[in-house]
Amino acid sequence: MQLSDYLLPENVSLDLAAASKRELIVKLADLASKKTGVDASIVSAALTSRETLGSTGVGQGVAIPHAIMDELTAQSVPVRAPVEADGFRGCR
């Protein structure tokens, strides 16, 4: 499977903005919850837990926050502006 398989138009929101990594995770979880019905707090906890294992930053201002959850299939939401993300290595 390639990254492009996850970048489906229905999973993209060009209006998402966040001031911190925590705020971004909460907003991503809220979007996933609205699309899937899975409680946002469960999604947020999974994303936060995954970040404790290691940064999902891939460099050059790009991070791919993700978590493996039985309740969810792929979700992808690019953000509008850089997020100061202490812990998203190489990302702003």
Protein backbone atom coordinates (compact mmCIF):
# COMPACT_ATOMS: atom_id res chain seq x y z
CA MET A 1 0.00 0.00 0.00
CA GLN A 2 1.26 3.46 -0.85
CA LEU A 3 0.77 6.75 0.97
CA SER A 4 -1.39 7.96 -1.93
CA ASP A 5 -3.87 5.19 -1.08
CA TYR A 6 -4.64 7.07 2.16
CA LEU A 7 -4.99 10.52 0.62
CA LEU A 8 -8.59 10.16 -0.45
CA PRO A 9 -10.46 13.41 -1.25
CA GLU A 10 -13.14 12.71 1.37
CA ASN A 11 -10.43 12.53 4.04
CA VAL A 12 -8.86 15.91 3.26
CA SER A 13 -9.70 19.20 4.99
CA LEU A 14 -7.87 22.29 3.75
CA ASP A 15 -9.25 24.51 6.51
CA LEU A 16 -7.66 22.77 9.50
CA ALA A 17 -5.34 25.00 11.53
CA ALA A 18 -3.81 24.43 14.97
CA ALA A 19 -1.47 26.34 17.26
CA SER A 20 0.12 23.30 18.92
CA LYS A 21 0.66 19.58 18.49
CA ARG A 22 -1.93 18.87 21.19
CA GLU A 23 -4.53 21.07 19.48
CA LEU A 24 -3.80 19.39 16.15
CA ILE A 25 -4.30 15.93 17.66
CA VAL A 26 -7.60 17.00 19.24
CA LYS A 27 -8.82 18.44 15.92
CA LEU A 28 -7.74 15.35 13.96
CA ALA A 29 -9.53 13.16 16.50
CA ASP A 30 -12.67 15.29 16.23
CA LEU A 31 -12.68 14.99 12.43
CA ALA A 32 -12.15 11.23 12.59
CA SER A 33 -14.94 10.95 15.15
CA LYS A 34 -17.38 12.86 12.96
CA LYS A 35 -16.59 10.63 9.98
CA THR A 36 -16.55 7.29 11.81
CA GLY A 37 -18.61 7.59 14.97
CA VAL A 38 -15.66 6.54 17.14
CA ASP A 39 -15.45 8.74 20.24
CA ALA A 40 -12.96 11.59 19.71
CA SER A 41 -11.35 10.99 23.11
CA ILE A 42 -10.49 7.43 22.08
CA VAL A 43 -8.93 8.61 18.81
CA SER A 44 -7.05 11.41 20.59
CA ALA A 45 -5.71 9.01 23.20
CA ALA A 46 -4.53 6.62 20.48
CA LEU A 47 -2.75 9.40 18.54
CA THR A 48 -1.16 10.76 21.72
CA SER A 49 -0.05 7.29 22.79
CA ARG A 50 1.52 6.69 19.38
CA GLU A 51 3.47 9.95 19.65
CA THR A 52 5.01 8.77 22.94
CA LEU A 53 6.59 5.87 21.06
CA GLY A 54 8.43 8.25 18.74
CA SER A 55 7.85 11.25 16.57
CA THR A 56 5.70 10.86 13.48
CA GLY A 57 7.57 13.77 11.90
CA VAL A 58 9.23 12.80 8.64
CA GLY A 59 11.13 16.05 8.07
CA GLN A 60 10.83 19.16 5.92
CA GLY A 61 7.73 20.33 7.77
CA VAL A 62 5.80 17.09 7.35
CA ALA A 63 4.37 14.88 10.08
CA ILE A 64 2.03 11.95 9.70
CA PRO A 65 0.25 11.50 13.04
CA HIS A 66 -1.26 8.04 13.05
CA ALA A 67 -2.32 5.17 15.26
CA ILE A 68 -3.45 1.63 14.66
CA MET A 69 -7.04 1.26 15.81
CA ASP A 70 -9.46 -1.56 15.10
CA GLU A 71 -12.27 1.00 15.04
CA LEU A 72 -10.82 3.13 12.22
CA THR A 73 -9.67 2.81 8.65
CA ALA A 74 -7.31 5.35 7.07
CA GLN A 75 -7.94 9.05 7.69
CA SER A 76 -5.83 11.81 6.20
CA VAL A 77 -6.12 15.51 6.96
CA PRO A 78 -3.48 17.98 5.70
CA VAL A 79 -3.22 21.16 7.78
CA ARG A 80 -3.42 24.68 6.40
CA ALA A 81 -0.47 26.26 8.24
CA PRO A 82 2.63 24.90 10.00
CA VAL A 83 2.14 23.79 13.60
CA GLU A 84 4.91 24.39 16.13
CA ALA A 85 5.26 20.78 17.15
CA ASP A 86 7.85 20.05 19.76
CA GLY A 87 8.24 16.37 19.11
CA PHE A 88 7.31 16.24 15.44
CA ARG A 89 10.98 15.99 14.52
CA GLY A 90 11.90 18.33 11.70
CA CYS A 91 8.44 19.84 11.58
CA ARG A 92 7.16 23.30 12.37
